[in-house]
Amino acid sequence: MAERRKFKKRFCKYCEQKVEFIDYKDLASLKFSLSERFKIMPRRLTGNCKRHQELVTVAIKRARQTALIPYIVDRKNVVENPFEIIK
């Protein structure tokens, strides 16, 4: 039989902190749910529960709508750390 990989169980950091609402203006907490190309990371990578992942998704989409977070990253102008731009 093939070996089963043992992965560390990921816990929802928002459940641990008992967060009820995720604000779209709080970019410091939202950047942990974004990839380096500003794509929304899935639950299996972030460890968020379904409820909080939906709140994070809505908050990121609202931040994009208000131009706090870019929709896309330009491939021609590569930046080392894109999160320094959105301080």
PDB file of N, CA and C in Angstrom:
ATOM      1  N   MET A   1       0.829  -1.193   0.000  1.00  0.00           N
ATOM      2  CA  MET A   1       0.000   0.000   0.000  1.00  0.00           C
ATOM      3  C   MET A   1       0.869   1.251   0.000  1.00  0.00           C
ATOM      4  N   ALA A   2       0.353   2.258  -0.591  1.00  0.00           N
ATOM      5  CA  ALA A   2       1.070   3.529  -0.633  1.00  0.00           C
ATOM      6  C   ALA A   2       0.961   4.232   0.718  1.00  0.00           C
ATOM      7  N   GLU A   3       2.000   4.957   1.031  1.00  0.00           N
ATOM      8  CA  GLU A   3       1.991   5.710   2.283  1.00  0.00           C
ATOM      9  C   GLU A   3       0.997   6.856   2.201  1.00  0.00           C
ATOM     10  N   ARG A   4       0.330   7.086   3.294  1.00  0.00           N
ATOM     11  CA  ARG A   4      -0.565   8.243   3.372  1.00  0.00           C
ATOM     12  C   ARG A   4       0.235   9.422   3.884  1.00  0.00           C
ATOM     13  N   ARG A   5       0.088  10.539   3.214  1.00  0.00           N
ATOM     14  CA  ARG A   5       0.779  11.735   3.665  1.00  0.00           C
ATOM     15  C   ARG A   5       0.032  12.323   4.851  1.00  0.00           C
ATOM     16  N   LYS A   6       0.776  12.728   5.814  1.00  0.00           N
ATOM     17  CA  LYS A   6       0.163  13.321   6.990  1.00  0.00           C
ATOM     18  C   LYS A   6       0.373  14.821   6.940  1.00  0.00           C
ATOM     19  N   PHE A   7      -0.704  15.525   6.790  1.00  0.00           N
ATOM     20  CA  PHE A   7      -0.654  16.977   6.734  1.00  0.00           C
ATOM     21  C   PHE A   7      -1.103  17.553   8.069  1.00  0.00           C
ATOM     22  N   LYS A   8      -0.579  18.719   8.368  1.00  0.00           N
ATOM     23  CA  LYS A   8      -0.975  19.402   9.583  1.00  0.00           C
ATOM     24  C   LYS A   8      -2.395  19.928   9.409  1.00  0.00           C
ATOM     25  N   LYS A   9      -3.238  19.717  10.373  1.00  0.00           N
ATOM     26  CA  LYS A   9      -4.603  20.211  10.324  1.00  0.00           C
ATOM     27  C   LYS A   9      -4.590  21.725  10.422  1.00  0.00           C
ATOM     28  N   ARG A  10      -5.228  22.378   9.470  1.00  0.00           N
ATOM     29  CA  ARG A  10      -5.274  23.832   9.464  1.00  0.00           C
ATOM     30  C   ARG A  10      -6.544  24.285  10.178  1.00  0.00           C
ATOM     31  N   PHE A  11      -6.394  25.310  10.993  1.00  0.00           N
ATOM     32  CA  PHE A  11      -7.517  25.839  11.734  1.00  0.00           C
ATOM     33  C   PHE A  11      -7.841  27.233  11.234  1.00  0.00           C
ATOM     34  N   CYS A  12      -9.098  27.582  11.341  1.00  0.00           N
ATOM     35  CA  CYS A  12      -9.556  28.898  10.908  1.00  0.00           C
ATOM     36  C   CYS A  12      -9.087  29.933  11.936  1.00  0.00           C
ATOM     37  N   LYS A  13      -8.258  30.871  11.488  1.00  0.00           N
ATOM     38  CA  LYS A  13      -7.743  31.881  12.413  1.00  0.00           C
ATOM     39  C   LYS A  13      -8.827  32.858  12.834  1.00  0.00           C
ATOM     40  N   TYR A  14      -9.861  33.007  12.009  1.00  0.00           N
ATOM     41  CA  TYR A  14     -10.955  33.911  12.352  1.00  0.00           C
ATOM     42  C   TYR A  14     -11.862  33.291  13.417  1.00  0.00           C
ATOM     43  N   CYS A  15     -12.019  31.974  13.402  1.00  0.00           N
ATOM     44  CA  CYS A  15     -12.806  31.307  14.439  1.00  0.00           C
ATOM     45  C   CYS A  15     -12.076  31.368  15.784  1.00  0.00           C
ATOM     46  N   GLU A  16     -10.753  31.232  15.748  1.00  0.00           N
ATOM     47  CA  GLU A  16      -9.984  31.293  16.985  1.00  0.00           C
ATOM     48  C   GLU A  16     -10.068  32.666  17.628  1.00  0.00           C
ATOM     49  N   GLN A  17     -10.099  33.715  16.788  1.00  0.00           N
ATOM     50  CA  GLN A  17     -10.188  35.085  17.299  1.00  0.00           C
ATOM     51  C   GLN A  17     -11.631  35.532  17.504  1.00  0.00           C
ATOM     52  N   LYS A  18     -12.577  34.682  17.155  1.00  0.00           N
ATOM     53  CA  LYS A  18     -14.018  34.944  17.279  1.00  0.00           C
ATOM     54  C   LYS A  18     -14.426  36.216  16.532  1.00  0.00           C
ATOM     55  N   VAL A  19     -14.032  36.279  15.256  1.00  0.00           N
ATOM     56  CA  VAL A  19     -14.335  37.417  14.403  1.00  0.00           C
ATOM     57  C   VAL A  19     -15.723  37.219  13.795  1.00  0.00           C
ATOM     58  N   GLU A  20     -16.558  38.241  13.900  1.00  0.00           N
ATOM     59  CA  GLU A  20     -17.909  38.171  13.344  1.00  0.00           C
ATOM     60  C   GLU A  20     -18.004  38.824  11.975  1.00  0.00           C
ATOM     61  N   PHE A  21     -17.173  39.861  11.749  1.00  0.00           N
ATOM     62  CA  PHE A  21     -17.235  40.608  10.503  1.00  0.00           C
ATOM     63  C   PHE A  21     -15.815  40.926  10.042  1.00  0.00           C
ATOM     64  N   ILE A  22     -15.556  40.763   8.746  1.00  0.00           N
ATOM     65  CA  ILE A  22     -14.245  41.064   8.184  1.00  0.00           C
ATOM     66  C   ILE A  22     -14.376  42.341   7.367  1.00  0.00           C
ATOM     67  N   ASP A  23     -13.630  43.365   7.765  1.00  0.00           N
ATOM     68  CA  ASP A  23     -13.736  44.667   7.127  1.00  0.00           C
ATOM     69  C   ASP A  23     -12.885  44.703   5.863  1.00  0.00           C
ATOM     70  N   TYR A  24     -13.430  45.268   4.801  1.00  0.00           N
ATOM     71  CA  TYR A  24     -12.710  45.323   3.532  1.00  0.00           C
ATOM     72  C   TYR A  24     -11.589  46.357   3.560  1.00  0.00           C
ATOM     73  N   LYS A  25     -11.613  47.263   4.536  1.00  0.00           N
ATOM     74  CA  LYS A  25     -10.574  48.296   4.627  1.00  0.00           C
ATOM     75  C   LYS A  25      -9.345  47.825   5.395  1.00  0.00           C
ATOM     76  N   ASP A  26      -9.435  46.680   6.042  1.00  0.00           N
ATOM     77  CA  ASP A  26      -8.313  46.127   6.799  1.00  0.00           C
ATOM     78  C   ASP A  26      -7.458  45.262   5.867  1.00  0.00           C
ATOM     79  N   LEU A  27      -6.547  45.906   5.135  1.00  0.00           N
ATOM     80  CA  LEU A  27      -5.757  45.208   4.123  1.00  0.00           C
ATOM     81  C   LEU A  27      -4.712  44.293   4.743  1.00  0.00           C
ATOM     82  N   ALA A  28      -4.290  44.575   5.956  1.00  0.00           N
ATOM     83  CA  ALA A  28      -3.280  43.737   6.602  1.00  0.00           C
ATOM     84  C   ALA A  28      -3.795  42.319   6.840  1.00  0.00           C
ATOM     85  N   SER A  29      -5.054  42.178   7.186  1.00  0.00           N
ATOM     86  CA  SER A  29      -5.602  40.838   7.404  1.00  0.00           C
ATOM     87  C   SER A  29      -6.036  40.180   6.095  1.00  0.00           C
ATOM     88  N   LEU A  30      -6.384  40.980   5.102  1.00  0.00           N
ATOM     89  CA  LEU A  30      -6.815  40.412   3.824  1.00  0.00           C
ATOM     90  C   LEU A  30      -5.654  39.889   2.992  1.00  0.00           C
ATOM     91  N   LYS A  31      -4.462  40.426   3.191  1.00  0.00           N
ATOM     92  CA  LYS A  31      -3.348  40.024   2.333  1.00  0.00           C
ATOM     93  C   LYS A  31      -2.918  38.579   2.579  1.00  0.00           C
ATOM     94  N   PHE A  32      -3.297  37.989   3.713  1.00  0.00           N
ATOM     95  CA  PHE A  32      -2.969  36.592   3.964  1.00  0.00           C
ATOM     96  C   PHE A  32      -3.863  35.643   3.171  1.00  0.00           C
ATOM     97  N   SER A  33      -4.947  36.165   2.617  1.00  0.00           N
ATOM     98  CA  SER A  33      -5.842  35.348   1.806  1.00  0.00           C
ATOM     99  C   SER A  33      -5.667  35.614   0.319  1.00  0.00           C
ATOM    100  N   LEU A  34      -4.621  36.350  -0.041  1.00  0.00           N
ATOM    101  CA  LEU A  34      -4.339  36.657  -1.439  1.00  0.00           C
ATOM    102  C   LEU A  34      -3.003  36.053  -1.835  1.00  0.00           C
ATOM    103  N   SER A  35      -2.916  35.605  -3.101  1.00  0.00           N
ATOM    104  CA  SER A  35      -1.645  35.116  -3.614  1.00  0.00           C
ATOM    105  C   SER A  35      -0.793  36.302  -4.041  1.00  0.00           C
ATOM    106  N   GLU A  36       0.414  36.020  -4.531  1.00  0.00           N
ATOM    107  CA  GLU A  36       1.301  37.102  -4.947  1.00  0.00           C
ATOM    108  C   GLU A  36       0.801  37.823  -6.191  1.00  0.00           C
ATOM    109  N   ARG A  37      -0.157  37.215  -6.899  1.00  0.00           N
ATOM    110  CA  ARG A  37      -0.755  37.862  -8.062  1.00  0.00           C
ATOM    111  C   ARG A  37      -2.158  38.359  -7.747  1.00  0.00           C
ATOM    112  N   PHE A  38      -2.448  38.514  -6.466  1.00  0.00           N
ATOM    113  CA  PHE A  38      -3.700  39.051  -5.949  1.00  0.00           C
ATOM    114  C   PHE A  38      -4.915  38.190  -6.304  1.00  0.00           C
ATOM    115  N   LYS A  39      -4.725  36.889  -6.378  1.00  0.00           N
ATOM    116  CA  LYS A  39      -5.847  35.975  -6.540  1.00  0.00           C
ATOM    117  C   LYS A  39      -6.289  35.514  -5.158  1.00  0.00           C
ATOM    118  N   ILE A  40      -7.573  35.228  -5.019  1.00  0.00           N
ATOM    119  CA  ILE A  40      -8.096  34.754  -3.739  1.00  0.00           C
ATOM    120  C   ILE A  40      -7.667  33.303  -3.545  1.00  0.00           C
ATOM    121  N   MET A  41      -7.021  33.031  -2.417  1.00  0.00           N
ATOM    122  CA  MET A  41      -6.545  31.677  -2.152  1.00  0.00           C
ATOM    123  C   MET A  41      -7.692  30.799  -1.649  1.00  0.00           C
ATOM    124  N   PRO A  42      -7.706  29.518  -2.019  1.00  0.00           N
ATOM    125  CA  PRO A  42      -8.791  28.633  -1.602  1.00  0.00           C
ATOM    126  C   PRO A  42      -8.716  28.241  -0.131  1.00  0.00           C
ATOM    127  N   ARG A  43      -9.805  27.681   0.342  1.00  0.00           N
ATOM    128  CA  ARG A  43      -9.914  27.282   1.748  1.00  0.00           C
ATOM    129  C   ARG A  43      -8.892  26.233   2.132  1.00  0.00           C
ATOM    130  N   ARG A  44      -8.597  25.334   1.234  1.00  0.00           N
ATOM    131  CA  ARG A  44      -7.665  24.249   1.560  1.00  0.00           C
ATOM    132  C   ARG A  44      -6.252  24.759   1.826  1.00  0.00           C
ATOM    133  N   LEU A  45      -5.915  25.938   1.297  1.00  0.00           N
ATOM    134  CA  LEU A  45      -4.596  26.514   1.545  1.00  0.00           C
ATOM    135  C   LEU A  45      -4.590  27.466   2.732  1.00  0.00           C
ATOM    136  N   THR A  46      -5.663  28.231   2.913  1.00  0.00           N
ATOM    137  CA  THR A  46      -5.694  29.190   4.011  1.00  0.00           C
ATOM    138  C   THR A  46      -6.150  28.559   5.316  1.00  0.00           C
ATOM    139  N   GLY A  47      -6.971  27.527   5.243  1.00  0.00           N
ATOM    140  CA  GLY A  47      -7.470  26.881   6.449  1.00  0.00           C
ATOM    141  C   GLY A  47      -8.719  27.527   7.003  1.00  0.00           C
ATOM    142  N   ASN A  48      -9.300  28.465   6.273  1.00  0.00           N
ATOM    143  CA  ASN A  48     -10.518  29.126   6.748  1.00  0.00           C
ATOM    144  C   ASN A  48     -11.706  28.179   6.689  1.00  0.00           C
ATOM    145  N   CYS A  49     -12.660  28.404   7.576  1.00  0.00           N
ATOM    146  CA  CYS A  49     -13.902  27.650   7.510  1.00  0.00           C
ATOM    147  C   CYS A  49     -14.770  28.246   6.393  1.00  0.00           C
ATOM    148  N   LYS A  50     -15.843  27.573   6.056  1.00  0.00           N
ATOM    149  CA  LYS A  50     -16.676  28.004   4.930  1.00  0.00           C
ATOM    150  C   LYS A  50     -17.260  29.393   5.168  1.00  0.00           C
ATOM    151  N   ARG A  51     -17.738  29.637   6.364  1.00  0.00           N
ATOM    152  CA  ARG A  51     -18.373  30.915   6.685  1.00  0.00           C
ATOM    153  C   ARG A  51     -17.389  32.080   6.559  1.00  0.00           C
ATOM    154  N   HIS A  52     -16.206  31.905   7.126  1.00  0.00           N
ATOM    155  CA  HIS A  52     -15.229  32.983   7.091  1.00  0.00           C
ATOM    156  C   HIS A  52     -14.593  33.133   5.711  1.00  0.00           C
ATOM    157  N   GLN A  53     -14.477  32.042   4.962  1.00  0.00           N
ATOM    158  CA  GLN A  53     -13.960  32.160   3.598  1.00  0.00           C
ATOM    159  C   GLN A  53     -14.910  32.987   2.735  1.00  0.00           C
ATOM    160  N   GLU A  54     -16.197  32.815   2.937  1.00  0.00           N
ATOM    161  CA  GLU A  54     -17.175  33.624   2.190  1.00  0.00           C
ATOM    162  C   GLU A  54     -17.084  35.092   2.591  1.00  0.00           C
ATOM    163  N   LEU A  55     -16.880  35.370   3.884  1.00  0.00           N
ATOM    164  CA  LEU A  55     -16.720  36.751   4.338  1.00  0.00           C
ATOM    165  C   LEU A  55     -15.443  37.376   3.776  1.00  0.00           C
ATOM    166  N   VAL A  56     -14.369  36.593   3.720  1.00  0.00           N
ATOM    167  CA  VAL A  56     -13.109  37.090   3.158  1.00  0.00           C
ATOM    168  C   VAL A  56     -13.272  37.386   1.675  1.00  0.00           C
ATOM    169  N   THR A  57     -13.958  36.505   0.972  1.00  0.00           N
ATOM    170  CA  THR A  57     -14.178  36.695  -0.469  1.00  0.00           C
ATOM    171  C   THR A  57     -14.966  37.965  -0.739  1.00  0.00           C
ATOM    172  N   VAL A  58     -16.018  38.193   0.030  1.00  0.00           N
ATOM    173  CA  VAL A  58     -16.817  39.407  -0.139  1.00  0.00           C
ATOM    174  C   VAL A  58     -15.989  40.646   0.189  1.00  0.00           C
ATOM    175  N   ALA A  59     -15.177  40.570   1.244  1.00  0.00           N
ATOM    176  CA  ALA A  59     -14.348  41.715   1.633  1.00  0.00           C
ATOM    177  C   ALA A  59     -13.310  42.029   0.562  1.00  0.00           C
ATOM    178  N   ILE A  60     -12.692  41.009  -0.031  1.00  0.00           N
ATOM    179  CA  ILE A  60     -11.699  41.231  -1.082  1.00  0.00           C
ATOM    180  C   ILE A  60     -12.356  41.827  -2.315  1.00  0.00           C
ATOM    181  N   LYS A  61     -13.535  41.341  -2.657  1.00  0.00           N
ATOM    182  CA  LYS A  61     -14.232  41.887  -3.821  1.00  0.00           C
ATOM    183  C   LYS A  61     -14.647  43.333  -3.594  1.00  0.00           C
ATOM    184  N   ARG A  62     -15.028  43.674  -2.375  1.00  0.00           N
ATOM    185  CA  ARG A  62     -15.370  45.067  -2.071  1.00  0.00           C
ATOM    186  C   ARG A  62     -14.128  45.949  -2.106  1.00  0.00           C
ATOM    187  N   ALA A  63     -13.000  45.427  -1.619  1.00  0.00           N
ATOM    188  CA  ALA A  63     -11.756  46.196  -1.653  1.00  0.00           C
ATOM    189  C   ALA A  63     -11.296  46.418  -3.083  1.00  0.00           C
ATOM    190  N   ARG A  64     -11.525  45.452  -3.948  1.00  0.00           N
ATOM    191  CA  ARG A  64     -11.194  45.629  -5.363  1.00  0.00           C
ATOM    192  C   ARG A  64     -12.089  46.680  -5.999  1.00  0.00           C
ATOM    193  N   GLN A  65     -13.354  46.663  -5.640  1.00  0.00           N
ATOM    194  CA  GLN A  65     -14.305  47.617  -6.201  1.00  0.00           C
ATOM    195  C   GLN A  65     -13.956  49.050  -5.810  1.00  0.00           C
ATOM    196  N   THR A  66     -13.445  49.238  -4.601  1.00  0.00           N
ATOM    197  CA  THR A  66     -13.064  50.574  -4.142  1.00  0.00           C
ATOM    198  C   THR A  66     -11.608  50.904  -4.467  1.00  0.00           C
ATOM    199  N   ALA A  67     -10.951  50.076  -5.250  1.00  0.00           N
ATOM    200  CA  ALA A  67      -9.583  50.271  -5.736  1.00  0.00           C
ATOM    201  C   ALA A  67      -8.537  50.252  -4.618  1.00  0.00           C
ATOM    202  N   LEU A  68      -8.787  49.511  -3.554  1.00  0.00           N
ATOM    203  CA  LEU A  68      -7.778  49.325  -2.517  1.00  0.00           C
ATOM    204  C   LEU A  68      -6.827  48.186  -2.884  1.00  0.00           C
ATOM    205  N   ILE A  69      -7.346  47.193  -3.614  1.00  0.00           N
ATOM    206  CA  ILE A  69      -6.568  46.049  -4.083  1.00  0.00           C
ATOM    207  C   ILE A  69      -6.746  45.984  -5.597  1.00  0.00           C
ATOM    208  N   PRO A  70      -5.663  45.759  -6.351  1.00  0.00           N
ATOM    209  CA  PRO A  70      -5.819  45.673  -7.810  1.00  0.00           C
ATOM    210  C   PRO A  70      -6.497  44.370  -8.234  1.00  0.00           C
ATOM    211  N   TYR A  71      -7.169  44.427  -9.377  1.00  0.00           N
ATOM    212  CA  TYR A  71      -7.778  43.219  -9.924  1.00  0.00           C
ATOM    213  C   TYR A  71      -6.708  42.290 -10.485  1.00  0.00           C
ATOM    214  N   ILE A  72      -5.743  42.860 -11.209  1.00  0.00           N
ATOM    215  CA  ILE A  72      -4.696  42.063 -11.835  1.00  0.00           C
ATOM    216  C   ILE A  72      -3.346  42.699 -11.554  1.00  0.00           C
ATOM    217  N   VAL A  73      -2.303  41.900 -11.772  1.00  0.00           N
ATOM    218  CA  VAL A  73      -0.945  42.391 -11.653  1.00  0.00           C
ATOM    219  C   VAL A  73      -0.337  42.363 -13.044  1.00  0.00           C
ATOM    220  N   ASP A  74       0.343  43.428 -13.415  1.00  0.00           N
ATOM    221  CA  ASP A  74       0.949  43.523 -14.730  1.00  0.00           C
ATOM    222  C   ASP A  74       2.124  42.559 -14.821  1.00  0.00           C
ATOM    223  N   ARG A  75       2.143  41.719 -15.837  1.00  0.00           N
ATOM    224  CA  ARG A  75       3.223  40.749 -16.008  1.00  0.00           C
ATOM    225  C   ARG A  75       4.514  41.407 -16.472  1.00  0.00           C
ATOM    226  N   LYS A  76       4.401  42.507 -17.186  1.00  0.00           N
ATOM    227  CA  LYS A  76       5.591  43.156 -17.737  1.00  0.00           C
ATOM    228  C   LYS A  76       6.374  43.888 -16.658  1.00  0.00           C
ATOM    229  N   ASN A  77       5.690  44.511 -15.730  1.00  0.00           N
ATOM    230  CA  ASN A  77       6.344  45.227 -14.640  1.00  0.00           C
ATOM    231  C   ASN A  77       6.292  44.368 -13.382  1.00  0.00           C
ATOM    232  N   VAL A  78       7.225  43.439 -13.281  1.00  0.00           N
ATOM    233  CA  VAL A  78       7.239  42.500 -12.166  1.00  0.00           C
ATOM    234  C   VAL A  78       7.802  43.200 -10.928  1.00  0.00           C
ATOM    235  N   VAL A  79       7.074  43.057  -9.827  1.00  0.00           N
ATOM    236  CA  VAL A  79       7.480  43.648  -8.557  1.00  0.00           C
ATOM    237  C   VAL A  79       7.852  42.513  -7.621  1.00  0.00           C
ATOM    238  N   GLU A  80       8.906  42.710  -6.819  1.00  0.00           N
ATOM    239  CA  GLU A  80       9.334  41.655  -5.907  1.00  0.00           C
ATOM    240  C   GLU A  80       8.270  41.311  -4.885  1.00  0.00           C
ATOM    241  N   ASN A  81       7.778  42.326  -4.196  1.00  0.00           N
ATOM    242  CA  ASN A  81       6.765  42.113  -3.174  1.00  0.00           C
ATOM    243  C   ASN A  81       5.588  43.025  -3.470  1.00  0.00           C
ATOM    244  N   PRO A  82       4.520  42.518  -4.098  1.00  0.00           N
ATOM    245  CA  PRO A  82       3.407  43.381  -4.470  1.00  0.00           C
ATOM    246  C   PRO A  82       2.619  43.935  -3.288  1.00  0.00           C
ATOM    247  N   PHE A  83       2.772  43.336  -2.105  1.00  0.00           N
ATOM    248  CA  PHE A  83       2.013  43.800  -0.950  1.00  0.00           C
ATOM    249  C   PHE A  83       2.588  45.081  -0.362  1.00  0.00           C
ATOM    250  N   GLU A  84       3.801  45.447  -0.754  1.00  0.00           N
ATOM    251  CA  GLU A  84       4.357  46.719  -0.312  1.00  0.00           C
ATOM    252  C   GLU A  84       3.620  47.891  -0.973  1.00  0.00           C
ATOM    253  N   ILE A  85       3.021  47.640  -2.124  1.00  0.00           N
ATOM    254  CA  ILE A  85       2.296  48.669  -2.846  1.00  0.00           C
ATOM    255  C   ILE A  85       1.030  49.078  -2.093  1.00  0.00           C
ATOM    256  N   ILE A  86       0.369  48.122  -1.440  1.00  0.00           N
ATOM    257  CA  ILE A  86      -0.939  48.383  -0.829  1.00  0.00           C
ATOM    258  C   ILE A  86      -0.851  48.691   0.646  1.00  0.00           C
ATOM    259  N   LYS A  87       0.217  49.309   1.110  1.00  0.00           N
ATOM    260  CA  LYS A  87       0.357  49.636   2.532  1.00  0.00           C
ATOM    261  C   LYS A  87      -0.677  50.565   2.955  1.00  0.00           C
TER     262      LYS A  87
END
